[in-house]
Structures are given as structure tokens and as C-alpha cells.
Protein backbone atom coordinates (compact mmCIF):
# COMPACT_ATOMS: atom_id res chain seq x y z
CA MET A 1 -0.05 0.11 0.20
CA TYR A 2 2.68 2.72 1.26
CA GLN A 3 5.42 0.60 -0.85
CA GLY A 4 5.52 3.11 -3.78
CA LEU A 5 5.93 6.34 -1.59
CA PRO A 6 9.41 8.20 -1.61
CA SER A 7 9.22 8.20 2.43
CA ALA A 8 8.89 4.40 2.70
CA ALA A 9 12.28 3.64 0.97
CA GLN A 10 14.61 1.77 3.43
CA ILE A 11 17.04 4.67 3.47
CA ASN A 12 14.38 6.64 5.21
CA LEU A 13 13.62 4.09 7.69
CA PRO A 14 16.73 3.03 9.20
CA GLU A 15 14.88 1.76 12.61
CA ALA A 16 12.23 -0.13 10.39
CA THR A 17 14.77 -1.86 8.22
CA LYS A 18 16.80 -2.79 11.43
CA ALA A 19 13.96 -4.49 12.88
CA ALA A 20 12.49 -6.02 9.87
CA ASN A 21 16.15 -7.62 9.33
CA GLN A 22 15.92 -9.18 12.78
CA VAL A 23 12.60 -10.68 12.97
CA ILE A 24 11.41 -13.79 11.66
CA CYS A 25 7.68 -14.77 11.53
CA LEU A 26 7.11 -18.52 11.84
CA PRO A 27 3.87 -20.67 10.97
CA ILE A 28 2.75 -21.78 13.95
CA TYR A 29 -1.29 -23.18 14.11
CA PRO A 30 -2.85 -25.96 15.68
CA THR A 31 -2.79 -28.22 12.35
CA LEU A 32 0.98 -27.85 11.99
CA GLU A 33 2.51 -31.42 11.75
CA SER A 34 5.63 -32.20 13.40
CA PRO A 35 8.19 -32.62 10.35
CA PRO A 36 7.68 -28.93 8.90
CA PHE A 37 7.82 -27.63 12.03
CA LEU A 38 11.03 -29.99 13.25
CA GLU A 39 12.60 -28.76 9.75
CA MET A 40 12.09 -24.91 10.88
CA SER A 41 13.49 -25.58 14.12
CA GLU A 42 16.58 -27.19 12.96
CA LEU A 43 16.97 -24.42 10.36
CA ILE A 44 17.01 -21.81 13.12
CA TRP A 45 19.36 -23.50 15.20
CA ARG A 46 21.66 -24.20 12.60
CA GLN A 47 21.70 -20.42 11.89
CA LYS A 48 22.29 -19.61 15.83
CA ILE A 49 25.10 -22.26 16.09
CA MET A 50 26.66 -20.72 12.58
CA HIS A 51 26.67 -17.05 14.24
CA LEU A 52 28.14 -18.28 17.27
CA PHE A 53 30.96 -20.08 15.67
CA ILE A 54 31.72 -17.08 13.19
CA PHE A 55 31.65 -14.94 16.25
CA TYR A 56 34.06 -17.53 18.09
CA ILE A 57 36.48 -17.27 15.42
CA SER A 58 36.52 -13.45 14.68
CA MET A 59 37.19 -13.13 18.08
CA PHE A 60 40.71 -14.99 17.69
CA LYS A 61 41.72 -12.30 14.94
CA PHE A 62 41.81 -9.55 17.80
CA LEU A 63 44.20 -11.89 19.94
């Protein structure tokens, strides 16, 4: 709706852009079966572990 307005450009909305890049919306509903839920959980866990690993490795560059 507002996407085409110049004021909606990412450059004009730094806080909204930052928040949008840090939020994940998961499909969670009563009839969601286990396999898709487990796949999503595993992907999130792998990303978290990868970020921690990258942070840990980057710390050695300063030693």
C-alpha cells in the first residue's frame, strides 16, 4: 500500500529496516504437523550455531 511512496524507501526508515532484518515470522497453527515444525526448528538452530561459531572465530583475529 505504502511501498511506492518515496517516504517508504529503506534509506528513510533505518530503524524499521533494522527491525525487519532481525525478525522472523514462523507459521505456527494448531494443525501444523511435526515434520515442517522440526525442519524450521533445525534451520533456526543451525543458523544460531553458525553465528556463534563465526563470532567465536572472529574473536581470535584480535588476539
